[in-house]
Amino acid sequence: MIQLIACDLDGTLLDSNTQIRPSSRVMLRDLWKSGVMIVLATGRSWRTAFKIQQQLGISGPIIAHNGGYAFNPATGADLYRRGVPVTMAKDMLDWSSQHDIMLRCYLGYNRPVIFNFFTPSHLSRYLRPEDTLLSHDGSNLNIDPLEIFLFGTTEIVPFRRHFGIEGPGYELVIFDHGDHQEINICAPQVDKVEALSYICSHLGFARSEVMAMGDGTNDVAMLAWAGTSVAMGHGAPESHVEANYVTSPTSLDPVVEGLRWAMSEKLLVPYRDRA
């Protein structure tokens, strides 16, 4: 019987406007209240994932930075982390400062987000309370960053040319958004499944008790590992191969569709029927 649900965000829980569908919110919160652990599993940063968890009105572990980090905001504890070596991160910050390229380093929950400098645009539109400048001696960057983030236009090419697509303890993942690109720098081959499997081992959940829901290529290993898996019909074909159930490509709420399928197969007990 399913006791833990690991749910991707973009393309799964979140709609095209990055909003939680109301019916998904109600159903997941009711399952959580009835005792099912709901674990958000995303490639996004810890602070974005935490914001979504708050909007759901639940608590418990979160997997962020594509599996490089798992934490529990309710206890403040880090559950799992694998980041970019801090010495390499400082090299990247130093080189980027010399070339007028802003980087941000995510260190984890209740820790600052370290920047080499703030652009005027960041100061006026995006600055958050935890955003902090790197100290002159670098002492406030004292742990391996979970992810180093860079976005822009002309900034991308020189950074990639200098550091390459991969190096000692890191790899670059590049996203093209048309008018700009972004680079996510993380530990090599991080995957949501490594954090999920660690959480389950740590908390005593068997794979057969885990349900995973996702839509992307970065969800494939998680879907394959879980005892029960649901892929979004509009998502990557690779995710469909590993799924026990694929939702309709035109589903108005694929998360609810997937949960109802699991209930119909008696893999998930409806919250109303739980003692």
C-alpha atoms as a PDB file:
ATOM      1  CA  MET A   1       0.000   0.000   0.000  1.00  0.00           C
ATOM      2  CA  ILE A   2       1.279   3.466  -0.900  1.00  0.00           C
ATOM      3  CA  GLN A   3       2.503   5.415   2.136  1.00  0.00           C
ATOM      4  CA  LEU A   4       4.665   8.057   0.433  1.00  0.00           C
ATOM      5  CA  ILE A   5       4.026  10.083  -2.737  1.00  0.00           C
ATOM      6  CA  ALA A   6       6.947  11.846  -4.432  1.00  0.00           C
ATOM      7  CA  CYS A   7       5.587  14.520  -6.745  1.00  0.00           C
ATOM      8  CA  ASP A   8       7.431  16.605  -9.327  1.00  0.00           C
ATOM      9  CA  LEU A   9       6.512  20.291  -9.652  1.00  0.00           C
ATOM     10  CA  ASP A  10       6.864  21.795 -13.154  1.00  0.00           C
ATOM     11  CA  GLY A  11       4.662  19.996 -15.650  1.00  0.00           C
ATOM     12  CA  THR A  12       3.168  17.801 -12.929  1.00  0.00           C
ATOM     13  CA  LEU A  13       1.805  19.546  -9.842  1.00  0.00           C
ATOM     14  CA  LEU A  14       2.125  23.030 -11.363  1.00  0.00           C
ATOM     15  CA  ASP A  15       0.172  24.190 -14.399  1.00  0.00           C
ATOM     16  CA  SER A  16       1.546  26.233 -17.300  1.00  0.00           C
ATOM     17  CA  ASN A  17       1.318  29.357 -15.134  1.00  0.00           C
ATOM     18  CA  THR A  18       3.341  27.632 -12.367  1.00  0.00           C
ATOM     19  CA  GLN A  19       0.259  27.493 -10.143  1.00  0.00           C
ATOM     20  CA  ILE A  20      -1.026  24.530  -8.139  1.00  0.00           C
ATOM     21  CA  ARG A  21      -4.326  23.287  -9.499  1.00  0.00           C
ATOM     22  CA  PRO A  22      -6.970  23.674  -6.754  1.00  0.00           C
ATOM     23  CA  SER A  23      -8.172  20.060  -6.923  1.00  0.00           C
ATOM     24  CA  SER A  24      -4.600  18.766  -6.605  1.00  0.00           C
ATOM     25  CA  ARG A  25      -4.053  20.954  -3.570  1.00  0.00           C
ATOM     26  CA  VAL A  26      -7.161  19.648  -1.836  1.00  0.00           C
ATOM     27  CA  MET A  27      -6.513  15.994  -2.635  1.00  0.00           C
ATOM     28  CA  LEU A  28      -2.827  15.994  -1.652  1.00  0.00           C
ATOM     29  CA  ARG A  29      -3.519  17.889   1.562  1.00  0.00           C
ATOM     30  CA  ASP A  30      -6.283  15.469   2.509  1.00  0.00           C
ATOM     31  CA  LEU A  31      -3.999  12.486   1.836  1.00  0.00           C
ATOM     32  CA  TRP A  32      -1.268  14.116   3.922  1.00  0.00           C
ATOM     33  CA  LYS A  33      -3.720  14.720   6.773  1.00  0.00           C
ATOM     34  CA  SER A  34      -4.686  11.056   6.631  1.00  0.00           C
ATOM     35  CA  GLY A  35      -1.054   9.966   7.089  1.00  0.00           C
ATOM     36  CA  VAL A  36       0.414   9.696   3.588  1.00  0.00           C
ATOM     37  CA  MET A  37       3.773  11.461   3.333  1.00  0.00           C
ATOM     38  CA  ILE A  38       3.842  13.929   0.436  1.00  0.00           C
ATOM     39  CA  VAL A  39       7.374  14.692  -0.782  1.00  0.00           C
ATOM     40  CA  LEU A  40       7.844  17.415  -3.376  1.00  0.00           C
ATOM     41  CA  ALA A  41      10.670  16.442  -5.736  1.00  0.00           C
ATOM     42  CA  THR A  42      11.942  19.139  -8.079  1.00  0.00           C
ATOM     43  CA  GLY A  43      14.858  20.468 -10.045  1.00  0.00           C
ATOM     44  CA  ARG A  44      14.085  23.900  -8.660  1.00  0.00           C
ATOM     45  CA  SER A  45      15.784  25.526  -5.687  1.00  0.00           C
ATOM     46  CA  TRP A  46      14.995  24.699  -2.081  1.00  0.00           C
ATOM     47  CA  ARG A  47      13.296  28.052  -1.518  1.00  0.00           C
ATOM     48  CA  THR A  48      10.935  27.645  -4.469  1.00  0.00           C
ATOM     49  CA  ALA A  49      10.052  24.118  -3.337  1.00  0.00           C
ATOM     50  CA  PHE A  50       9.459  25.303   0.224  1.00  0.00           C
ATOM     51  CA  LYS A  51       7.137  28.029  -1.035  1.00  0.00           C
ATOM     52  CA  ILE A  52       5.075  25.436  -2.931  1.00  0.00           C
ATOM     53  CA  GLN A  53       4.935  23.207   0.150  1.00  0.00           C
ATOM     54  CA  GLN A  54       3.569  26.128   2.164  1.00  0.00           C
ATOM     55  CA  GLN A  55       0.955  26.795  -0.509  1.00  0.00           C
ATOM     56  CA  LEU A  56      -0.129  23.144  -0.266  1.00  0.00           C
ATOM     57  CA  GLY A  57      -0.499  23.495   3.499  1.00  0.00           C
ATOM     58  CA  ILE A  58       1.583  20.409   4.297  1.00  0.00           C
ATOM     59  CA  SER A  59       4.898  19.676   5.976  1.00  0.00           C
ATOM     60  CA  GLY A  60       7.633  17.064   5.769  1.00  0.00           C
ATOM     61  CA  PRO A  61      10.686  16.313   3.595  1.00  0.00           C
ATOM     62  CA  ILE A  62      11.393  18.151   0.333  1.00  0.00           C
ATOM     63  CA  ILE A  63      13.716  17.102  -2.494  1.00  0.00           C
ATOM     64  CA  ALA A  64      15.187  20.059  -4.389  1.00  0.00           C
ATOM     65  CA  HIS A  65      18.057  20.923  -6.736  1.00  0.00           C
ATOM     66  CA  ASN A  66      17.226  17.839  -8.814  1.00  0.00           C
ATOM     67  CA  GLY A  67      18.040  15.443  -6.005  1.00  0.00           C
ATOM     68  CA  GLY A  68      21.207  17.089  -4.757  1.00  0.00           C
ATOM     69  CA  TYR A  69      19.380  18.171  -1.623  1.00  0.00           C
ATOM     70  CA  ALA A  70      16.692  16.877   0.717  1.00  0.00           C
ATOM     71  CA  PHE A  71      15.604  18.688   3.853  1.00  0.00           C
ATOM     72  CA  ASN A  72      12.735  18.948   6.309  1.00  0.00           C
ATOM     73  CA  PRO A  73      11.648  22.548   7.006  1.00  0.00           C
ATOM     74  CA  ALA A  74       9.562  21.370   9.959  1.00  0.00           C
ATOM     75  CA  THR A  75      12.697  20.289  11.837  1.00  0.00           C
ATOM     76  CA  GLY A  76      15.257  22.433  10.020  1.00  0.00           C
ATOM     77  CA  ALA A  77      17.301  19.310   9.303  1.00  0.00           C
ATOM     78  CA  ASP A  78      19.263  18.504   6.171  1.00  0.00           C
ATOM     79  CA  LEU A  79      18.452  14.929   5.202  1.00  0.00           C
ATOM     80  CA  TYR A  80      20.733  14.557   2.184  1.00  0.00           C
ATOM     81  CA  ARG A  81      23.088  16.800   0.251  1.00  0.00           C
ATOM     82  CA  ARG A  82      25.625  16.496  -2.567  1.00  0.00           C
ATOM     83  CA  GLY A  83      27.004  19.716  -3.957  1.00  0.00           C
ATOM     84  CA  VAL A  84      29.759  21.398  -5.932  1.00  0.00           C
ATOM     85  CA  PRO A  85      33.130  21.439  -4.103  1.00  0.00           C
ATOM     86  CA  VAL A  86      33.430  24.733  -2.262  1.00  0.00           C
ATOM     87  CA  THR A  87      36.920  25.386  -3.659  1.00  0.00           C
ATOM     88  CA  MET A  88      35.578  25.117  -7.217  1.00  0.00           C
ATOM     89  CA  ALA A  89      32.629  27.338  -6.332  1.00  0.00           C
ATOM     90  CA  LYS A  90      34.979  30.047  -5.072  1.00  0.00           C
ATOM     91  CA  ASP A  91      37.019  29.793  -8.284  1.00  0.00           C
ATOM     92  CA  MET A  92      33.839  30.270 -10.309  1.00  0.00           C
ATOM     93  CA  LEU A  93      32.768  33.257  -8.220  1.00  0.00           C
ATOM     94  CA  ASP A  94      36.182  34.869  -8.494  1.00  0.00           C
ATOM     95  CA  TRP A  95      36.417  34.395 -12.271  1.00  0.00           C
ATOM     96  CA  SER A  96      32.837  35.595 -12.779  1.00  0.00           C
ATOM     97  CA  SER A  97      33.445  38.742 -10.729  1.00  0.00           C
ATOM     98  CA  GLN A  98      36.405  39.573 -12.956  1.00  0.00           C
ATOM     99  CA  HIS A  99      34.146  39.206 -16.010  1.00  0.00           C
ATOM    100  CA  ASP A 100      31.119  41.062 -14.581  1.00  0.00           C
ATOM    101  CA  ILE A 101      28.946  37.928 -14.406  1.00  0.00           C
ATOM    102  CA  MET A 102      26.602  37.504 -11.441  1.00  0.00           C
ATOM    103  CA  LEU A 103      26.439  34.042  -9.849  1.00  0.00           C
ATOM    104  CA  ARG A 104      24.312  32.789  -6.985  1.00  0.00           C
ATOM    105  CA  CYS A 105      25.165  29.821  -4.768  1.00  0.00           C
ATOM    106  CA  TYR A 106      22.417  27.924  -2.956  1.00  0.00           C
ATOM    107  CA  LEU A 107      23.690  26.519   0.334  1.00  0.00           C
ATOM    108  CA  GLY A 108      20.456  25.113   1.755  1.00  0.00           C
ATOM    109  CA  TYR A 109      17.556  25.825   4.073  1.00  0.00           C
ATOM    110  CA  ASN A 110      18.222  28.434   6.794  1.00  0.00           C
ATOM    111  CA  ARG A 111      21.482  29.361   5.065  1.00  0.00           C
ATOM    112  CA  PRO A 112      22.234  32.415   2.946  1.00  0.00           C
ATOM    113  CA  VAL A 113      22.154  32.423  -0.846  1.00  0.00           C
ATOM    114  CA  ILE A 114      25.626  33.706  -1.715  1.00  0.00           C
ATOM    115  CA  PHE A 115      26.234  36.143  -4.598  1.00  0.00           C
ATOM    116  CA  ASN A 116      29.509  37.542  -5.887  1.00  0.00           C
ATOM    117  CA  PHE A 117      27.698  40.867  -6.523  1.00  0.00           C
ATOM    118  CA  PHE A 118      24.181  42.147  -7.183  1.00  0.00           C
ATOM    119  CA  THR A 119      23.163  43.550 -10.548  1.00  0.00           C
ATOM    120  CA  PRO A 120      20.892  46.632 -10.480  1.00  0.00           C
ATOM    121  CA  SER A 121      18.061  44.475 -11.843  1.00  0.00           C
ATOM    122  CA  HIS A 122      18.458  41.961  -9.010  1.00  0.00           C
ATOM    123  CA  LEU A 123      18.547  44.715  -6.416  1.00  0.00           C
ATOM    124  CA  SER A 124      15.409  46.381  -7.732  1.00  0.00           C
ATOM    125  CA  ARG A 125      13.273  43.336  -8.577  1.00  0.00           C
ATOM    126  CA  TYR A 126      14.518  40.049  -7.169  1.00  0.00           C
ATOM    127  CA  LEU A 127      16.397  40.627  -3.921  1.00  0.00           C
ATOM    128  CA  ARG A 128      15.273  38.363  -1.079  1.00  0.00           C
ATOM    129  CA  PRO A 129      16.128  38.492   2.631  1.00  0.00           C
ATOM    130  CA  GLU A 130      18.494  35.518   2.466  1.00  0.00           C
ATOM    131  CA  ASP A 131      20.495  36.936  -0.487  1.00  0.00           C
ATOM    132  CA  THR A 132      23.990  37.749   0.794  1.00  0.00           C
ATOM    133  CA  LEU A 133      27.208  38.982  -0.788  1.00  0.00           C
ATOM    134  CA  LEU A 134      30.307  36.818  -0.582  1.00  0.00           C
ATOM    135  CA  SER A 135      32.512  38.141   2.201  1.00  0.00           C
ATOM    136  CA  HIS A 136      35.935  39.530   1.321  1.00  0.00           C
ATOM    137  CA  ASP A 137      37.657  36.489   2.798  1.00  0.00           C
ATOM    138  CA  GLY A 138      35.041  34.036   1.450  1.00  0.00           C
ATOM    139  CA  SER A 139      34.352  32.730   4.943  1.00  0.00           C
ATOM    140  CA  ASN A 140      30.559  32.797   4.555  1.00  0.00           C
ATOM    141  CA  LEU A 141      30.826  30.282   1.713  1.00  0.00           C
ATOM    142  CA  ASN A 142      31.788  27.444   4.022  1.00  0.00           C
ATOM    143  CA  ILE A 143      29.900  24.467   2.622  1.00  0.00           C
ATOM    144  CA  ASP A 144      29.608  22.845  -0.808  1.00  0.00           C
ATOM    145  CA  PRO A 145      26.896  24.727  -2.749  1.00  0.00           C
ATOM    146  CA  LEU A 146      23.976  22.578  -3.804  1.00  0.00           C
ATOM    147  CA  GLU A 147      23.719  24.527  -7.039  1.00  0.00           C
ATOM    148  CA  ILE A 148      25.344  27.539  -8.674  1.00  0.00           C
ATOM    149  CA  PHE A 149      23.029  29.500 -10.916  1.00  0.00           C
ATOM    150  CA  LEU A 150      23.764  31.824 -13.820  1.00  0.00           C
ATOM    151  CA  PHE A 151      21.418  33.350 -16.346  1.00  0.00           C
ATOM    152  CA  GLY A 152      21.798  35.886 -19.100  1.00  0.00           C
ATOM    153  CA  THR A 153      22.622  36.259 -22.779  1.00  0.00           C
ATOM    154  CA  THR A 154      26.226  37.211 -23.527  1.00  0.00           C
ATOM    155  CA  GLU A 155      27.371  35.851 -20.142  1.00  0.00           C
ATOM    156  CA  ILE A 156      26.745  32.206 -20.972  1.00  0.00           C
ATOM    157  CA  VAL A 157      29.292  31.657 -23.757  1.00  0.00           C
ATOM    158  CA  PRO A 158      32.444  32.891 -21.975  1.00  0.00           C
ATOM    159  CA  PHE A 159      31.551  31.021 -18.782  1.00  0.00           C
ATOM    160  CA  ARG A 160      31.013  27.772 -20.657  1.00  0.00           C
ATOM    161  CA  ARG A 161      34.157  28.304 -22.722  1.00  0.00           C
ATOM    162  CA  HIS A 162      36.259  28.801 -19.599  1.00  0.00           C
ATOM    163  CA  PHE A 163      34.838  26.065 -17.347  1.00  0.00           C
ATOM    164  CA  GLY A 164      33.603  23.583 -19.946  1.00  0.00           C
ATOM    165  CA  ILE A 165      30.480  21.475 -19.737  1.00  0.00           C
ATOM    166  CA  GLU A 166      31.919  19.457 -16.846  1.00  0.00           C
ATOM    167  CA  GLY A 167      34.910  19.415 -14.539  1.00  0.00           C
ATOM    168  CA  PRO A 168      36.159  18.114 -11.185  1.00  0.00           C
ATOM    169  CA  GLY A 169      33.077  17.791  -9.009  1.00  0.00           C
ATOM    170  CA  TYR A 170      30.636  19.659 -11.243  1.00  0.00           C
ATOM    171  CA  GLU A 171      28.630  19.648 -14.453  1.00  0.00           C
ATOM    172  CA  LEU A 172      26.735  22.346 -16.339  1.00  0.00           C
ATOM    173  CA  VAL A 173      23.113  21.963 -17.372  1.00  0.00           C
ATOM    174  CA  ILE A 174      22.078  24.643 -19.872  1.00  0.00           C
ATOM    175  CA  PHE A 175      18.480  25.713 -20.506  1.00  0.00           C
ATOM    176  CA  ASP A 176      17.574  27.820 -23.528  1.00  0.00           C
ATOM    177  CA  HIS A 177      14.583  30.133 -22.967  1.00  0.00           C
ATOM    178  CA  GLY A 178      14.758  31.890 -26.302  1.00  0.00           C
ATOM    179  CA  ASP A 179      15.598  35.433 -25.223  1.00  0.00           C
ATOM    180  CA  HIS A 180      18.042  34.213 -22.564  1.00  0.00           C
ATOM    181  CA  GLN A 181      19.751  31.100 -21.255  1.00  0.00           C
ATOM    182  CA  GLU A 182      20.474  29.789 -17.801  1.00  0.00           C
ATOM    183  CA  ILE A 183      23.137  27.497 -16.437  1.00  0.00           C
ATOM    184  CA  ASN A 184      22.606  25.243 -13.451  1.00  0.00           C
ATOM    185  CA  ILE A 185      25.929  24.041 -12.061  1.00  0.00           C
ATOM    186  CA  CYS A 186      25.569  21.020  -9.815  1.00  0.00           C
ATOM    187  CA  ALA A 187      27.364  17.891  -8.660  1.00  0.00           C
ATOM    188  CA  PRO A 188      27.847  15.350 -11.472  1.00  0.00           C
ATOM    189  CA  GLN A 189      24.787  13.280 -12.384  1.00  0.00           C
ATOM    190  CA  VAL A 190      22.624  14.296  -9.450  1.00  0.00           C
ATOM    191  CA  ASP A 191      19.188  12.719  -9.652  1.00  0.00           C
ATOM    192  CA  LYS A 192      15.997  12.899  -7.637  1.00  0.00           C
ATOM    193  CA  VAL A 193      16.143   9.167  -7.035  1.00  0.00           C
ATOM    194  CA  GLU A 194      19.279   9.371  -4.882  1.00  0.00           C
ATOM    195  CA  ALA A 195      17.609  11.737  -2.414  1.00  0.00           C
ATOM    196  CA  LEU A 196      14.300   9.842  -2.534  1.00  0.00           C
ATOM    197  CA  SER A 197      15.938   6.475  -1.884  1.00  0.00           C
ATOM    198  CA  TYR A 198      17.899   7.973   1.003  1.00  0.00           C
ATOM    199  CA  ILE A 199      14.760   9.466   2.566  1.00  0.00           C
ATOM    200  CA  CYS A 200      12.927   6.162   2.285  1.00  0.00           C
ATOM    201  CA  SER A 201      15.813   4.233   3.815  1.00  0.00           C
ATOM    202  CA  HIS A 202      16.173   6.800   6.601  1.00  0.00           C
ATOM    203  CA  LEU A 203      12.444   6.865   7.424  1.00  0.00           C
ATOM    204  CA  GLY A 204      11.757   3.169   6.880  1.00  0.00           C
ATOM    205  CA  PHE A 205       9.658   3.180   3.702  1.00  0.00           C
ATOM    206  CA  ALA A 206       9.949   0.247   1.302  1.00  0.00           C
ATOM    207  CA  ARG A 207      10.036   0.929  -2.442  1.00  0.00           C
ATOM    208  CA  SER A 208       6.709  -0.890  -2.732  1.00  0.00           C
ATOM    209  CA  GLU A 209       5.178   1.804  -0.492  1.00  0.00           C
ATOM    210  CA  VAL A 210       6.352   4.666  -2.709  1.00  0.00           C
ATOM    211  CA  MET A 211       4.469   6.316  -5.555  1.00  0.00           C
ATOM    212  CA  ALA A 212       6.277   8.737  -7.888  1.00  0.00           C
ATOM    213  CA  MET A 213       4.668  11.247 -10.242  1.00  0.00           C
ATOM    214  CA  GLY A 214       6.548  13.177 -12.914  1.00  0.00           C
ATOM    215  CA  ASP A 215       6.768  14.317 -16.509  1.00  0.00           C
ATOM    216  CA  GLY A 216      10.386  14.963 -17.459  1.00  0.00           C
ATOM    217  CA  THR A 217      13.554  13.127 -18.347  1.00  0.00           C
ATOM    218  CA  ASN A 218      14.866  14.097 -14.904  1.00  0.00           C
ATOM    219  CA  ASP A 219      11.979  12.080 -13.406  1.00  0.00           C
ATOM    220  CA  VAL A 220      12.722   8.838 -15.270  1.00  0.00           C
ATOM    221  CA  ALA A 221      14.991   7.225 -12.670  1.00  0.00           C
ATOM    222  CA  MET A 222      12.605   8.178  -9.857  1.00  0.00           C
ATOM    223  CA  LEU A 223       9.654   6.695 -11.753  1.00  0.00           C
ATOM    224  CA  ALA A 224      11.609   3.498 -12.429  1.00  0.00           C
ATOM    225  CA  TRP A 225      12.667   3.162  -8.785  1.00  0.00           C
ATOM    226  CA  ALA A 226       9.287   3.700  -7.131  1.00  0.00           C
ATOM    227  CA  GLY A 227       6.968   0.778  -6.548  1.00  0.00           C
ATOM    228  CA  THR A 228       4.176   2.649  -8.331  1.00  0.00           C
ATOM    229  CA  SER A 229       4.712   5.400 -10.868  1.00  0.00           C
ATOM    230  CA  VAL A 230       2.497   7.791 -12.811  1.00  0.00           C
ATOM    231  CA  ALA A 231       3.781   9.779 -15.802  1.00  0.00           C
ATOM    232  CA  MET A 232       2.088  12.838 -17.220  1.00  0.00           C
ATOM    233  CA  GLY A 233       0.603  12.164 -20.657  1.00  0.00           C
ATOM    234  CA  HIS A 234       1.919  15.476 -22.001  1.00  0.00           C
ATOM    235  CA  GLY A 235       5.432  14.749 -20.726  1.00  0.00           C
ATOM    236  CA  ALA A 236       8.596  13.172 -22.071  1.00  0.00           C
ATOM    237  CA  PRO A 237       8.138   9.812 -23.835  1.00  0.00           C
ATOM    238  CA  GLU A 238      11.001   8.398 -21.757  1.00  0.00           C
ATOM    239  CA  SER A 239       8.929   8.912 -18.622  1.00  0.00           C
ATOM    240  CA  HIS A 240       6.020   6.964 -20.115  1.00  0.00           C
ATOM    241  CA  VAL A 241       8.173   3.865 -20.539  1.00  0.00           C
ATOM    242  CA  GLU A 242       8.821   3.612 -16.789  1.00  0.00           C
ATOM    243  CA  ALA A 243       5.275   4.368 -15.622  1.00  0.00           C
ATOM    244  CA  ASN A 244       2.584   2.010 -14.401  1.00  0.00           C
ATOM    245  CA  TYR A 245       0.049   4.565 -15.564  1.00  0.00           C
ATOM    246  CA  VAL A 246       0.182   7.454 -18.030  1.00  0.00           C
ATOM    247  CA  THR A 247      -2.397  10.196 -17.677  1.00  0.00           C
ATOM    248  CA  SER A 248      -4.339  11.626 -20.593  1.00  0.00           C
ATOM    249  CA  PRO A 249      -2.291  14.192 -22.561  1.00  0.00           C
ATOM    250  CA  THR A 250      -5.217  16.593 -22.266  1.00  0.00           C
ATOM    251  CA  SER A 251      -6.005  15.963 -18.605  1.00  0.00           C
ATOM    252  CA  LEU A 252      -7.147  19.091 -16.772  1.00  0.00           C
ATOM    253  CA  ASP A 253      -5.537  17.792 -13.579  1.00  0.00           C
ATOM    254  CA  PRO A 254      -3.121  14.908 -14.187  1.00  0.00           C
ATOM    255  CA  VAL A 255      -2.124  14.606 -10.526  1.00  0.00           C
ATOM    256  CA  VAL A 256      -5.719  14.010  -9.473  1.00  0.00           C
ATOM    257  CA  GLU A 257      -6.167  11.603 -12.388  1.00  0.00           C
ATOM    258  CA  GLY A 258      -3.113   9.639 -11.290  1.00  0.00           C
ATOM    259  CA  LEU A 259      -4.182   9.518  -7.660  1.00  0.00           C
ATOM    260  CA  ARG A 260      -7.671   8.341  -8.604  1.00  0.00           C
ATOM    261  CA  TRP A 261      -6.144   5.622 -10.781  1.00  0.00           C
ATOM    262  CA  ALA A 262      -4.042   4.400  -7.826  1.00  0.00           C
ATOM    263  CA  MET A 263      -7.145   4.332  -5.647  1.00  0.00           C
ATOM    264  CA  SER A 264      -9.107   2.423  -8.277  1.00  0.00           C
ATOM    265  CA  GLU A 265      -6.293  -0.155  -8.361  1.00  0.00           C
ATOM    266  CA  LYS A 266      -6.436  -0.359  -4.547  1.00  0.00           C
ATOM    267  CA  LEU A 267      -2.801   0.776  -4.350  1.00  0.00           C
ATOM    268  CA  LEU A 268      -3.728   3.906  -2.418  1.00  0.00           C
ATOM    269  CA  VAL A 269      -6.373   4.032   0.296  1.00  0.00           C
ATOM    270  CA  PRO A 270      -8.680   7.049  -0.117  1.00  0.00           C
ATOM    271  CA  TYR A 271      -8.280   9.460   2.778  1.00  0.00           C
ATOM    272  CA  ARG A 272     -11.949   9.038   3.681  1.00  0.00           C
ATOM    273  CA  ASP A 273     -11.373   5.311   4.268  1.00  0.00           C
ATOM    274  CA  ARG A 274      -8.285   5.680   6.440  1.00  0.00           C
ATOM    275  CA  ALA A 275      -8.692   4.992  10.128  1.00  0.00           C
END
